[in-house]
Amino acid sequence: MTTKTYHGSCQCGAVRFEADIDLSAGTGKCNCTSCRKRRWWSASVKPEAFRALAGEETMVPNRAGTALFCPGCGITPFGRVAAAEWNDGESVSINVACLDDATPEEIIAAPVTYYDGLNDNWWEVPSETRHL
């Protein structure tokens, strides 16, 4: 495990954060309509490994209530996730694409786990993942 402090932001820079992430521990992509349409690619960390630096209080919910986004640029840089049957307790889901200082090599090397959220079958890989 190699944990590194990454800095991230939305497109306009109004929402900024830093997080201690081990990308080699894996990332995730889901096929539910919310994740698929937002092209969400996540790295999950425990709340104590995440620090909002600016703009979290300005983020607004989408109509479905499934994500918060920056009102200035529409990007969802991260989301706080409550404990559920499909996760390992409360966490912060970070949009890998919003990591400003992750190198292309680090992102390419990050393993990806695919989730079948579309069918509420979180423990199985969807039958098709090439579009995720």
Protein backbone atom coordinates (compact mmCIF):
# COMPACT_ATOMS: atom_id res chain seq x y z
CA MET A 1 0.00 0.00 0.00
CA THR A 2 1.22 3.43 -0.96
CA THR A 3 -0.87 6.24 0.42
CA LYS A 4 -0.25 9.65 -1.08
CA THR A 5 -1.86 13.01 -0.37
CA TYR A 6 -3.63 14.15 -3.53
CA HIS A 7 -5.21 17.53 -4.16
CA GLY A 8 -8.37 17.88 -6.17
CA SER A 9 -10.93 20.37 -7.34
CA CYS A 10 -13.92 20.97 -9.55
CA GLN A 11 -13.35 22.52 -12.98
CA CYS A 12 -13.69 26.15 -11.86
CA GLY A 13 -11.67 25.60 -8.66
CA ALA A 14 -14.38 26.78 -6.27
CA VAL A 15 -14.54 23.34 -4.60
CA ARG A 16 -11.15 22.07 -3.44
CA PHE A 17 -10.03 19.17 -1.29
CA GLU A 18 -7.12 16.96 -0.34
CA ALA A 19 -7.20 13.28 0.52
CA ASP A 20 -4.83 10.52 1.49
CA ILE A 21 -5.45 7.86 -1.16
CA ASP A 22 -3.86 4.55 -2.06
CA LEU A 23 -4.80 4.27 -5.73
CA SER A 24 -3.18 0.83 -5.86
CA ALA A 25 -5.88 -0.36 -3.42
CA GLY A 26 -8.36 0.08 -6.24
CA THR A 27 -10.97 2.34 -7.75
CA GLY A 28 -14.55 1.71 -8.84
CA LYS A 29 -16.93 2.26 -11.69
CA CYS A 30 -20.66 1.57 -11.52
CA ASN A 31 -23.24 1.08 -14.25
CA CYS A 32 -26.18 2.76 -12.49
CA THR A 33 -27.68 5.65 -14.43
CA SER A 34 -26.24 8.31 -12.09
CA CYS A 35 -22.67 7.03 -12.21
CA ARG A 36 -22.80 6.12 -15.90
CA LYS A 37 -24.13 9.48 -17.06
CA ARG A 38 -21.69 11.44 -14.88
CA ARG A 39 -18.81 9.13 -15.97
CA TRP A 40 -18.13 8.68 -12.24
CA TRP A 41 -14.84 6.91 -11.44
CA SER A 42 -14.30 6.71 -7.71
CA ALA A 43 -11.61 6.19 -5.16
CA SER A 44 -12.96 5.66 -1.67
CA VAL A 45 -11.36 6.87 1.55
CA LYS A 46 -12.39 6.96 5.19
CA PRO A 47 -13.64 10.39 6.36
CA GLU A 48 -10.50 10.97 8.44
CA ALA A 49 -8.36 10.71 5.27
CA PHE A 50 -10.33 13.50 3.55
CA ARG A 51 -10.14 17.26 4.03
CA ALA A 52 -12.46 19.70 2.29
CA LEU A 53 -10.45 22.87 1.70
CA ALA A 54 -13.01 25.15 0.04
CA GLY A 55 -16.51 25.22 -1.38
CA GLU A 56 -18.14 22.12 0.10
CA GLU A 57 -20.82 24.29 1.69
CA THR A 58 -21.72 25.76 -1.72
CA MET A 59 -22.31 22.39 -3.42
CA VAL A 60 -25.92 21.74 -4.40
CA PRO A 61 -27.85 18.48 -4.89
CA ASN A 62 -28.87 17.26 -8.31
CA ARG A 63 -32.60 16.73 -8.93
CA ALA A 64 -32.40 13.04 -8.13
CA GLY A 65 -30.62 13.78 -4.85
CA THR A 66 -27.86 11.31 -5.73
CA ALA A 67 -24.95 13.74 -5.85
CA LEU A 68 -23.78 17.21 -4.90
CA PHE A 69 -22.12 19.36 -7.50
CA CYS A 70 -20.42 22.73 -7.82
CA PRO A 71 -23.00 25.37 -8.84
CA GLY A 72 -20.35 27.22 -10.84
CA CYS A 73 -19.18 24.46 -13.18
CA GLY A 74 -21.47 21.48 -12.53
CA ILE A 75 -18.68 19.07 -11.57
CA THR A 76 -19.01 16.56 -8.71
CA PRO A 77 -15.50 16.29 -7.23
CA PHE A 78 -16.46 14.08 -4.27
CA GLY A 79 -19.38 12.79 -2.28
CA ARG A 80 -19.85 11.70 1.31
CA VAL A 81 -21.26 8.17 1.55
CA ALA A 82 -23.16 6.78 4.51
CA ALA A 83 -22.56 3.23 5.70
CA ALA A 84 -24.55 0.70 3.68
CA GLU A 85 -24.66 -3.04 3.07
CA TRP A 86 -22.49 -2.68 -0.03
CA ASN A 87 -19.66 -0.61 1.44
CA ASP A 88 -17.20 -0.80 4.30
CA GLY A 89 -18.76 1.89 6.48
CA GLU A 90 -18.95 5.65 6.09
CA SER A 91 -16.59 6.99 3.42
CA VAL A 92 -15.85 9.76 0.98
CA SER A 93 -16.07 8.85 -2.68
CA ILE A 94 -13.62 10.91 -4.70
CA ASN A 95 -13.92 11.51 -8.43
CA VAL A 96 -10.57 10.23 -9.78
CA ALA A 97 -10.87 12.65 -12.71
CA CYS A 98 -10.79 15.56 -10.23
CA LEU A 99 -7.38 14.67 -8.76
CA ASP A 100 -5.28 17.60 -9.94
CA ASP A 101 -1.89 16.14 -9.11
CA ALA A 102 -2.36 12.46 -9.96
CA THR A 103 -0.15 11.57 -12.89
CA PRO A 104 -1.53 9.72 -15.92
CA GLU A 105 0.70 6.80 -14.93
CA GLU A 106 -0.81 6.64 -11.42
CA ILE A 107 -4.34 6.74 -12.79
CA ILE A 108 -3.66 4.13 -15.48
CA ALA A 109 -2.09 1.79 -12.88
CA ALA A 110 -5.07 2.04 -10.50
CA PRO A 111 -7.04 -1.22 -10.52
CA VAL A 112 -10.75 -0.83 -11.34
CA THR A 113 -13.60 -2.83 -9.82
CA TYR A 114 -16.90 -2.69 -11.70
CA TYR A 115 -20.25 -2.69 -9.87
CA ASP A 116 -23.68 -3.64 -11.17
CA GLY A 117 -25.57 -0.85 -9.43
CA LEU A 118 -28.09 -0.70 -12.26
CA ASN A 119 -29.51 -4.03 -11.07
CA ASP A 120 -28.78 -3.50 -7.35
CA ASN A 121 -26.31 -6.35 -7.62
CA TRP A 122 -23.28 -4.59 -6.13
CA TRP A 123 -21.32 -7.81 -5.60
CA GLU A 124 -21.27 -8.80 -9.27
CA VAL A 125 -19.51 -7.35 -12.28
CA PRO A 126 -21.95 -6.09 -14.92
CA SER A 127 -22.13 -8.19 -18.08
CA GLU A 128 -20.69 -5.23 -20.05
CA THR A 129 -18.13 -2.72 -18.77
CA ARG A 130 -16.44 -1.28 -21.86
CA HIS A 131 -18.69 1.81 -21.78
CA LEU A 132 -17.93 2.66 -18.14
